[in-house]
Amino acid sequence: MKFKAEIDVMPLDALLDPQGKAVSSSMGNVGLPEIDGVRIGRHIRLFIEAESKDIAEGKVDEACKKMLANQIMESYSFSLSQV
């Protein structure tokens, strides 16, 4: 079976996010002063061939831990759907 994974990787809340802070600070300049607390991360989409959804979830989780997210500085979450 083939699955599609949608993965979001975000900086941990306890860490500074200079890019997010810069965007937050600029919101007033574009007429959106009510927007604050912007955090910027990454979105990753990948496809995986696996015998079951459980196996696919395990492989995606392993990919996140080994390569896609730095767990010292980032958290990740993902959703999986069959294609």
PDB file of N, CA and C in Angstrom:
ATOM      1  N   MET A   1       0.850  -1.182   0.000  1.00  0.00           N
ATOM      2  CA  MET A   1       0.000   0.000   0.000  1.00  0.00           C
ATOM      3  C   MET A   1       0.891   1.239   0.000  1.00  0.00           C
ATOM      4  N   LYS A   2       0.366   2.299  -0.568  1.00  0.00           N
ATOM      5  CA  LYS A   2       1.112   3.550  -0.618  1.00  0.00           C
ATOM      6  C   LYS A   2       0.428   4.572   0.283  1.00  0.00           C
ATOM      7  N   PHE A   3       1.256   5.295   1.045  1.00  0.00           N
ATOM      8  CA  PHE A   3       0.758   6.293   1.979  1.00  0.00           C
ATOM      9  C   PHE A   3       1.436   7.633   1.722  1.00  0.00           C
ATOM     10  N   LYS A   4       0.720   8.690   2.091  1.00  0.00           N
ATOM     11  CA  LYS A   4       1.279  10.042   2.047  1.00  0.00           C
ATOM     12  C   LYS A   4       1.390  10.536   3.480  1.00  0.00           C
ATOM     13  N   ALA A   5       2.567  11.037   3.826  1.00  0.00           N
ATOM     14  CA  ALA A   5       2.785  11.617   5.158  1.00  0.00           C
ATOM     15  C   ALA A   5       2.927  13.126   5.025  1.00  0.00           C
ATOM     16  N   GLU A   6       2.251  13.838   5.893  1.00  0.00           N
ATOM     17  CA  GLU A   6       2.364  15.294   6.004  1.00  0.00           C
ATOM     18  C   GLU A   6       2.987  15.558   7.364  1.00  0.00           C
ATOM     19  N   ILE A   7       4.197  16.106   7.372  1.00  0.00           N
ATOM     20  CA  ILE A   7       4.982  16.263   8.591  1.00  0.00           C
ATOM     21  C   ILE A   7       5.197  17.747   8.870  1.00  0.00           C
ATOM     22  N   ASP A   8       4.976  18.161  10.106  1.00  0.00           N
ATOM     23  CA  ASP A   8       5.265  19.522  10.538  1.00  0.00           C
ATOM     24  C   ASP A   8       6.376  19.478  11.570  1.00  0.00           C
ATOM     25  N   VAL A   9       7.422  20.263  11.334  1.00  0.00           N
ATOM     26  CA  VAL A   9       8.554  20.356  12.244  1.00  0.00           C
ATOM     27  C   VAL A   9       8.601  21.798  12.735  1.00  0.00           C
ATOM     28  N   MET A  10       8.588  21.961  14.055  1.00  0.00           N
ATOM     29  CA  MET A  10       8.557  23.298  14.656  1.00  0.00           C
ATOM     30  C   MET A  10       9.647  23.433  15.712  1.00  0.00           C
ATOM     31  N   PRO A  11      10.169  24.658  15.910  1.00  0.00           N
ATOM     32  CA  PRO A  11      11.116  24.853  17.004  1.00  0.00           C
ATOM     33  C   PRO A  11      10.405  24.634  18.340  1.00  0.00           C
ATOM     34  N   LEU A  12      11.121  24.091  19.300  1.00  0.00           N
ATOM     35  CA  LEU A  12      10.539  23.899  20.631  1.00  0.00           C
ATOM     36  C   LEU A  12      10.115  25.239  21.213  1.00  0.00           C
ATOM     37  N   ASP A  13       9.033  25.241  21.975  1.00  0.00           N
ATOM     38  CA  ASP A  13       8.510  26.481  22.556  1.00  0.00           C
ATOM     39  C   ASP A  13       9.520  27.170  23.460  1.00  0.00           C
ATOM     40  N   ALA A  14      10.382  26.401  24.116  1.00  0.00           N
ATOM     41  CA  ALA A  14      11.354  26.975  25.050  1.00  0.00           C
ATOM     42  C   ALA A  14      12.505  27.686  24.338  1.00  0.00           C
ATOM     43  N   LEU A  15      12.641  27.503  23.030  1.00  0.00           N
ATOM     44  CA  LEU A  15      13.749  28.094  22.288  1.00  0.00           C
ATOM     45  C   LEU A  15      13.318  29.332  21.528  1.00  0.00           C
ATOM     46  N   LEU A  16      14.271  30.217  21.323  1.00  0.00           N
ATOM     47  CA  LEU A  16      14.007  31.413  20.539  1.00  0.00           C
ATOM     48  C   LEU A  16      13.774  31.025  19.083  1.00  0.00           C
ATOM     49  N   ASP A  17      12.959  31.808  18.405  1.00  0.00           N
ATOM     50  CA  ASP A  17      12.698  31.628  16.984  1.00  0.00           C
ATOM     51  C   ASP A  17      12.917  32.990  16.326  1.00  0.00           C
ATOM     52  N   PRO A  18      14.168  33.311  15.963  1.00  0.00           N
ATOM     53  CA  PRO A  18      14.459  34.644  15.428  1.00  0.00           C
ATOM     54  C   PRO A  18      13.655  34.985  14.181  1.00  0.00           C
ATOM     55  N   GLN A  19      13.432  34.022  13.314  1.00  0.00           N
ATOM     56  CA  GLN A  19      12.659  34.284  12.098  1.00  0.00           C
ATOM     57  C   GLN A  19      11.204  34.602  12.453  1.00  0.00           C
ATOM     58  N   GLY A  20      10.635  33.810  13.365  1.00  0.00           N
ATOM     59  CA  GLY A  20       9.267  34.074  13.809  1.00  0.00           C
ATOM     60  C   GLY A  20       9.140  35.415  14.502  1.00  0.00           C
ATOM     61  N   LYS A  21      10.146  35.765  15.310  1.00  0.00           N
ATOM     62  CA  LYS A  21      10.127  37.051  16.019  1.00  0.00           C
ATOM     63  C   LYS A  21      10.179  38.211  15.027  1.00  0.00           C
ATOM     64  N   ALA A  22      10.999  38.089  13.988  1.00  0.00           N
ATOM     65  CA  ALA A  22      11.086  39.137  12.970  1.00  0.00           C
ATOM     66  C   ALA A  22       9.750  39.307  12.248  1.00  0.00           C
ATOM     67  N   VAL A  23       9.101  38.201  11.919  1.00  0.00           N
ATOM     68  CA  VAL A  23       7.797  38.280  11.251  1.00  0.00           C
ATOM     69  C   VAL A  23       6.763  38.891  12.185  1.00  0.00           C
ATOM     70  N   SER A  24       6.771  38.474  13.458  1.00  0.00           N
ATOM     71  CA  SER A  24       5.831  39.045  14.437  1.00  0.00           C
ATOM     72  C   SER A  24       6.002  40.551  14.534  1.00  0.00           C
ATOM     73  N   SER A  25       7.254  40.988  14.596  1.00  0.00           N
ATOM     74  CA  SER A  25       7.536  42.423  14.722  1.00  0.00           C
ATOM     75  C   SER A  25       7.088  43.210  13.499  1.00  0.00           C
ATOM     76  N   SER A  26       7.077  42.567  12.354  1.00  0.00           N
ATOM     77  CA  SER A  26       6.720  43.255  11.111  1.00  0.00           C
ATOM     78  C   SER A  26       5.219  43.278  10.840  1.00  0.00           C
ATOM     79  N   MET A  27       4.435  42.530  11.579  1.00  0.00           N
ATOM     80  CA  MET A  27       2.996  42.457  11.307  1.00  0.00           C
ATOM     81  C   MET A  27       2.325  43.818  11.405  1.00  0.00           C
ATOM     82  N   GLY A  28       2.748  44.641  12.349  1.00  0.00           N
ATOM     83  CA  GLY A  28       2.178  45.981  12.475  1.00  0.00           C
ATOM     84  C   GLY A  28       2.450  46.826  11.243  1.00  0.00           C
ATOM     85  N   ASN A  29       3.599  46.610  10.616  1.00  0.00           N
ATOM     86  CA  ASN A  29       3.973  47.384   9.426  1.00  0.00           C
ATOM     87  C   ASN A  29       3.107  47.061   8.216  1.00  0.00           C
ATOM     88  N   VAL A  30       2.466  45.905   8.219  1.00  0.00           N
ATOM     89  CA  VAL A  30       1.604  45.539   7.084  1.00  0.00           C
ATOM     90  C   VAL A  30       0.122  45.606   7.463  1.00  0.00           C
ATOM     91  N   GLY A  31      -0.163  46.303   8.558  1.00  0.00           N
ATOM     92  CA  GLY A  31      -1.554  46.526   8.945  1.00  0.00           C
ATOM     93  C   GLY A  31      -2.190  45.385   9.716  1.00  0.00           C
ATOM     94  N   LEU A  32      -1.372  44.528  10.343  1.00  0.00           N
ATOM     95  CA  LEU A  32      -1.902  43.399  11.108  1.00  0.00           C
ATOM     96  C   LEU A  32      -1.320  43.381  12.523  1.00  0.00           C
ATOM     97  N   PRO A  33      -1.507  44.444  13.286  1.00  0.00           N
ATOM     98  CA  PRO A  33      -0.897  44.513  14.623  1.00  0.00           C
ATOM     99  C   PRO A  33      -1.474  43.502  15.608  1.00  0.00           C
ATOM    100  N   GLU A  34      -2.639  42.944  15.311  1.00  0.00           N
ATOM    101  CA  GLU A  34      -3.254  41.976  16.220  1.00  0.00           C
ATOM    102  C   GLU A  34      -2.608  40.591  16.148  1.00  0.00           C
ATOM    103  N   ILE A  35      -1.735  40.366  15.161  1.00  0.00           N
ATOM    104  CA  ILE A  35      -1.049  39.082  15.041  1.00  0.00           C
ATOM    105  C   ILE A  35       0.262  39.144  15.797  1.00  0.00           C
ATOM    106  N   ASP A  36       0.477  38.138  16.651  1.00  0.00           N
ATOM    107  CA  ASP A  36       1.670  38.096  17.503  1.00  0.00           C
ATOM    108  C   ASP A  36       2.063  36.639  17.728  1.00  0.00           C
ATOM    109  N   GLY A  37       3.234  36.410  18.212  1.00  0.00           N
ATOM    110  CA  GLY A  37       3.659  35.065  18.592  1.00  0.00           C
ATOM    111  C   GLY A  37       3.882  34.129  17.417  1.00  0.00           C
ATOM    112  N   VAL A  38       4.334  34.660  16.291  1.00  0.00           N
ATOM    113  CA  VAL A  38       4.571  33.834  15.104  1.00  0.00           C
ATOM    114  C   VAL A  38       5.758  32.902  15.356  1.00  0.00           C
ATOM    115  N   ARG A  39       5.603  31.644  15.013  1.00  0.00           N
ATOM    116  CA  ARG A  39       6.686  30.655  15.058  1.00  0.00           C
ATOM    117  C   ARG A  39       6.758  30.044  13.664  1.00  0.00           C
ATOM    118  N   ILE A  40       7.950  29.913  13.153  1.00  0.00           N
ATOM    119  CA  ILE A  40       8.128  29.423  11.789  1.00  0.00           C
ATOM    120  C   ILE A  40       8.861  28.092  11.818  1.00  0.00           C
ATOM    121  N   GLY A  41       8.296  27.125  11.109  1.00  0.00           N
ATOM    122  CA  GLY A  41       8.881  25.790  11.023  1.00  0.00           C
ATOM    123  C   GLY A  41       8.909  25.316   9.584  1.00  0.00           C
ATOM    124  N   ARG A  42       8.855  24.001   9.426  1.00  0.00           N
ATOM    125  CA  ARG A  42       8.902  23.404   8.096  1.00  0.00           C
ATOM    126  C   ARG A  42       7.747  22.426   7.927  1.00  0.00           C
ATOM    127  N   HIS A  43       7.309  22.302   6.688  1.00  0.00           N
ATOM    128  CA  HIS A  43       6.303  21.294   6.345  1.00  0.00           C
ATOM    129  C   HIS A  43       6.941  20.368   5.315  1.00  0.00           C
ATOM    130  N   ILE A  44       6.856  19.069   5.556  1.00  0.00           N
ATOM    131  CA  ILE A  44       7.462  18.073   4.682  1.00  0.00           C
ATOM    132  C   ILE A  44       6.376  17.092   4.246  1.00  0.00           C
ATOM    133  N   ARG A  45       6.331  16.795   2.967  1.00  0.00           N
ATOM    134  CA  ARG A  45       5.407  15.790   2.449  1.00  0.00           C
ATOM    135  C   ARG A  45       6.252  14.683   1.826  1.00  0.00           C
ATOM    136  N   LEU A  46       5.904  13.451   2.135  1.00  0.00           N
ATOM    137  CA  LEU A  46       6.613  12.332   1.518  1.00  0.00           C
ATOM    138  C   LEU A  46       5.650  11.185   1.294  1.00  0.00           C
ATOM    139  N   PHE A  47       6.047  10.296   0.421  1.00  0.00           N
ATOM    140  CA  PHE A  47       5.256   9.103   0.120  1.00  0.00           C
ATOM    141  C   PHE A  47       6.048   7.886   0.557  1.00  0.00           C
ATOM    142  N   ILE A  48       5.341   6.885   1.058  1.00  0.00           N
ATOM    143  CA  ILE A  48       5.987   5.685   1.564  1.00  0.00           C
ATOM    144  C   ILE A  48       5.181   4.457   1.165  1.00  0.00           C
ATOM    145  N   GLU A  49       5.869   3.438   0.768  1.00  0.00           N
ATOM    146  CA  GLU A  49       5.261   2.148   0.434  1.00  0.00           C
ATOM    147  C   GLU A  49       5.434   1.252   1.653  1.00  0.00           C
ATOM    148  N   ALA A  50       4.334   0.700   2.168  1.00  0.00           N
ATOM    149  CA  ALA A  50       4.398  -0.165   3.350  1.00  0.00           C
ATOM    150  C   ALA A  50       3.244  -1.160   3.322  1.00  0.00           C
ATOM    151  N   GLU A  51       3.409  -2.242   4.057  1.00  0.00           N
ATOM    152  CA  GLU A  51       2.382  -3.294   4.096  1.00  0.00           C
ATOM    153  C   GLU A  51       1.140  -2.892   4.874  1.00  0.00           C
ATOM    154  N   SER A  52       1.310  -1.961   5.843  1.00  0.00           N
ATOM    155  CA  SER A  52       0.165  -1.521   6.644  1.00  0.00           C
ATOM    156  C   SER A  52       0.399  -0.097   7.127  1.00  0.00           C
ATOM    157  N   LYS A  53      -0.669   0.512   7.620  1.00  0.00           N
ATOM    158  CA  LYS A  53      -0.561   1.873   8.144  1.00  0.00           C
ATOM    159  C   LYS A  53       0.351   1.913   9.365  1.00  0.00           C
ATOM    160  N   ASP A  54       0.279   0.911  10.224  1.00  0.00           N
ATOM    161  CA  ASP A  54       1.139   0.870  11.406  1.00  0.00           C
ATOM    162  C   ASP A  54       2.614   0.844  11.023  1.00  0.00           C
ATOM    163  N   ILE A  55       2.960   0.052  10.025  1.00  0.00           N
ATOM    164  CA  ILE A  55       4.357  -0.017   9.577  1.00  0.00           C
ATOM    165  C   ILE A  55       4.773   1.322   8.972  1.00  0.00           C
ATOM    166  N   ALA A  56       3.898   1.917   8.175  1.00  0.00           N
ATOM    167  CA  ALA A  56       4.201   3.223   7.569  1.00  0.00           C
ATOM    168  C   ALA A  56       4.421   4.277   8.648  1.00  0.00           C
ATOM    169  N   GLU A  57       3.558   4.293   9.674  1.00  0.00           N
ATOM    170  CA  GLU A  57       3.725   5.250  10.771  1.00  0.00           C
ATOM    171  C   GLU A  57       5.071   5.065  11.453  1.00  0.00           C
ATOM    172  N   GLY A  58       5.460   3.824  11.674  1.00  0.00           N
ATOM    173  CA  GLY A  58       6.744   3.546  12.301  1.00  0.00           C
ATOM    174  C   GLY A  58       7.905   4.044  11.468  1.00  0.00           C
ATOM    175  N   LYS A  59       7.835   3.864  10.152  1.00  0.00           N
ATOM    176  CA  LYS A  59       8.903   4.311   9.254  1.00  0.00           C
ATOM    177  C   LYS A  59       8.977   5.831   9.197  1.00  0.00           C
ATOM    178  N   VAL A  60       7.823   6.497   9.154  1.00  0.00           N
ATOM    179  CA  VAL A  60       7.809   7.962   9.131  1.00  0.00           C
ATOM    180  C   VAL A  60       8.367   8.499  10.451  1.00  0.00           C
ATOM    181  N   ASP A  61       7.954   7.913  11.563  1.00  0.00           N
ATOM    182  CA  ASP A  61       8.471   8.330  12.865  1.00  0.00           C
ATOM    183  C   ASP A  61       9.992   8.159  12.918  1.00  0.00           C
ATOM    184  N   GLU A  62      10.477   7.049  12.410  1.00  0.00           N
ATOM    185  CA  GLU A  62      11.920   6.793  12.382  1.00  0.00           C
ATOM    186  C   GLU A  62      12.643   7.832  11.515  1.00  0.00           C
ATOM    187  N   ALA A  63      12.067   8.164  10.356  1.00  0.00           N
ATOM    188  CA  ALA A  63      12.668   9.176   9.483  1.00  0.00           C
ATOM    189  C   ALA A  63      12.734  10.531  10.177  1.00  0.00           C
ATOM    190  N   CYS A  64      11.677  10.866  10.902  1.00  0.00           N
ATOM    191  CA  CYS A  64      11.664  12.141  11.632  1.00  0.00           C
ATOM    192  C   CYS A  64      12.759  12.160  12.690  1.00  0.00           C
ATOM    193  N   LYS A  65      12.867  11.085  13.445  1.00  0.00           N
ATOM    194  CA  LYS A  65      13.859  11.021  14.523  1.00  0.00           C
ATOM    195  C   LYS A  65      15.286  10.998  13.998  1.00  0.00           C
ATOM    196  N   LYS A  66      15.516  10.308  12.890  1.00  0.00           N
ATOM    197  CA  LYS A  66      16.873  10.133  12.383  1.00  0.00           C
ATOM    198  C   LYS A  66      17.350  11.254  11.462  1.00  0.00           C
ATOM    199  N   MET A  67      16.407  11.915  10.749  1.00  0.00           N
ATOM    200  CA  MET A  67      16.858  12.844   9.728  1.00  0.00           C
ATOM    201  C   MET A  67      16.069  14.149   9.610  1.00  0.00           C
ATOM    202  N   LEU A  68      14.768  14.097   9.760  1.00  0.00           N
ATOM    203  CA  LEU A  68      13.950  15.254   9.410  1.00  0.00           C
ATOM    204  C   LEU A  68      13.815  16.286  10.521  1.00  0.00           C
ATOM    205  N   ALA A  69      13.974  15.881  11.771  1.00  0.00           N
ATOM    206  CA  ALA A  69      13.831  16.814  12.892  1.00  0.00           C
ATOM    207  C   ALA A  69      15.004  16.650  13.855  1.00  0.00           C
ATOM    208  N   ASN A  70      15.506  17.753  14.330  1.00  0.00           N
ATOM    209  CA  ASN A  70      16.531  17.750  15.373  1.00  0.00           C
ATOM    210  C   ASN A  70      15.790  17.812  16.705  1.00  0.00           C
ATOM    211  N   GLN A  71      15.660  16.681  17.379  1.00  0.00           N
ATOM    212  CA  GLN A  71      14.815  16.607  18.572  1.00  0.00           C
ATOM    213  C   GLN A  71      15.343  17.418  19.745  1.00  0.00           C
ATOM    214  N   ILE A  72      16.576  17.880  19.674  1.00  0.00           N
ATOM    215  CA  ILE A  72      17.112  18.748  20.725  1.00  0.00           C
ATOM    216  C   ILE A  72      16.471  20.130  20.621  1.00  0.00           C
ATOM    217  N   MET A  73      16.167  20.546  19.389  1.00  0.00           N
ATOM    218  CA  MET A  73      15.658  21.903  19.172  1.00  0.00           C
ATOM    219  C   MET A  73      14.265  21.952  18.549  1.00  0.00           C
ATOM    220  N   GLU A  74      13.757  20.812  18.075  1.00  0.00           N
ATOM    221  CA  GLU A  74      12.497  20.824  17.338  1.00  0.00           C
ATOM    222  C   GLU A  74      11.565  19.710  17.789  1.00  0.00           C
ATOM    223  N   SER A  75      10.288  19.947  17.587  1.00  0.00           N
ATOM    224  CA  SER A  75       9.278  18.900  17.769  1.00  0.00           C
ATOM    225  C   SER A  75       8.682  18.615  16.396  1.00  0.00           C
ATOM    226  N   TYR A  76       8.032  17.474  16.275  1.00  0.00           N
ATOM    227  CA  TYR A  76       7.403  17.144  15.003  1.00  0.00           C
ATOM    228  C   TYR A  76       6.080  16.434  15.257  1.00  0.00           C
ATOM    229  N   SER A  77       5.223  16.524  14.281  1.00  0.00           N
ATOM    230  CA  SER A  77       3.967  15.781  14.267  1.00  0.00           C
ATOM    231  C   SER A  77       3.693  15.418  12.816  1.00  0.00           C
ATOM    232  N   PHE A  78       2.912  14.356  12.625  1.00  0.00           N
ATOM    233  CA  PHE A  78       2.600  13.981  11.247  1.00  0.00           C
ATOM    234  C   PHE A  78       1.245  13.313  11.163  1.00  0.00           C
ATOM    235  N   SER A  79       0.692  13.361   9.963  1.00  0.00           N
ATOM    236  CA  SER A  79      -0.523  12.622   9.653  1.00  0.00           C
ATOM    237  C   SER A  79      -0.219  11.749   8.448  1.00  0.00           C
ATOM    238  N   LEU A  80      -0.940  10.655   8.364  1.00  0.00           N
ATOM    239  CA  LEU A  80      -0.696   9.675   7.326  1.00  0.00           C
ATOM    240  C   LEU A  80      -2.021   9.322   6.664  1.00  0.00           C
ATOM    241  N   SER A  81      -2.040   9.305   5.329  1.00  0.00           N
ATOM    242  CA  SER A  81      -3.248   8.897   4.613  1.00  0.00           C
ATOM    243  C   SER A  81      -2.859   7.966   3.480  1.00  0.00           C
ATOM    244  N   GLN A  82      -3.758   7.054   3.185  1.00  0.00           N
ATOM    245  CA  GLN A  82      -3.503   6.110   2.106  1.00  0.00           C
ATOM    246  C   GLN A  82      -3.818   6.777   0.778  1.00  0.00           C
ATOM    247  N   VAL A  83      -2.947   6.550  -0.218  1.00  0.00           N
ATOM    248  CA  VAL A  83      -3.175   7.122  -1.558  1.00  0.00           C
ATOM    249  C   VAL A  83      -3.362   6.026  -2.578  1.00  0.00           C
TER     250      VAL A  83
END
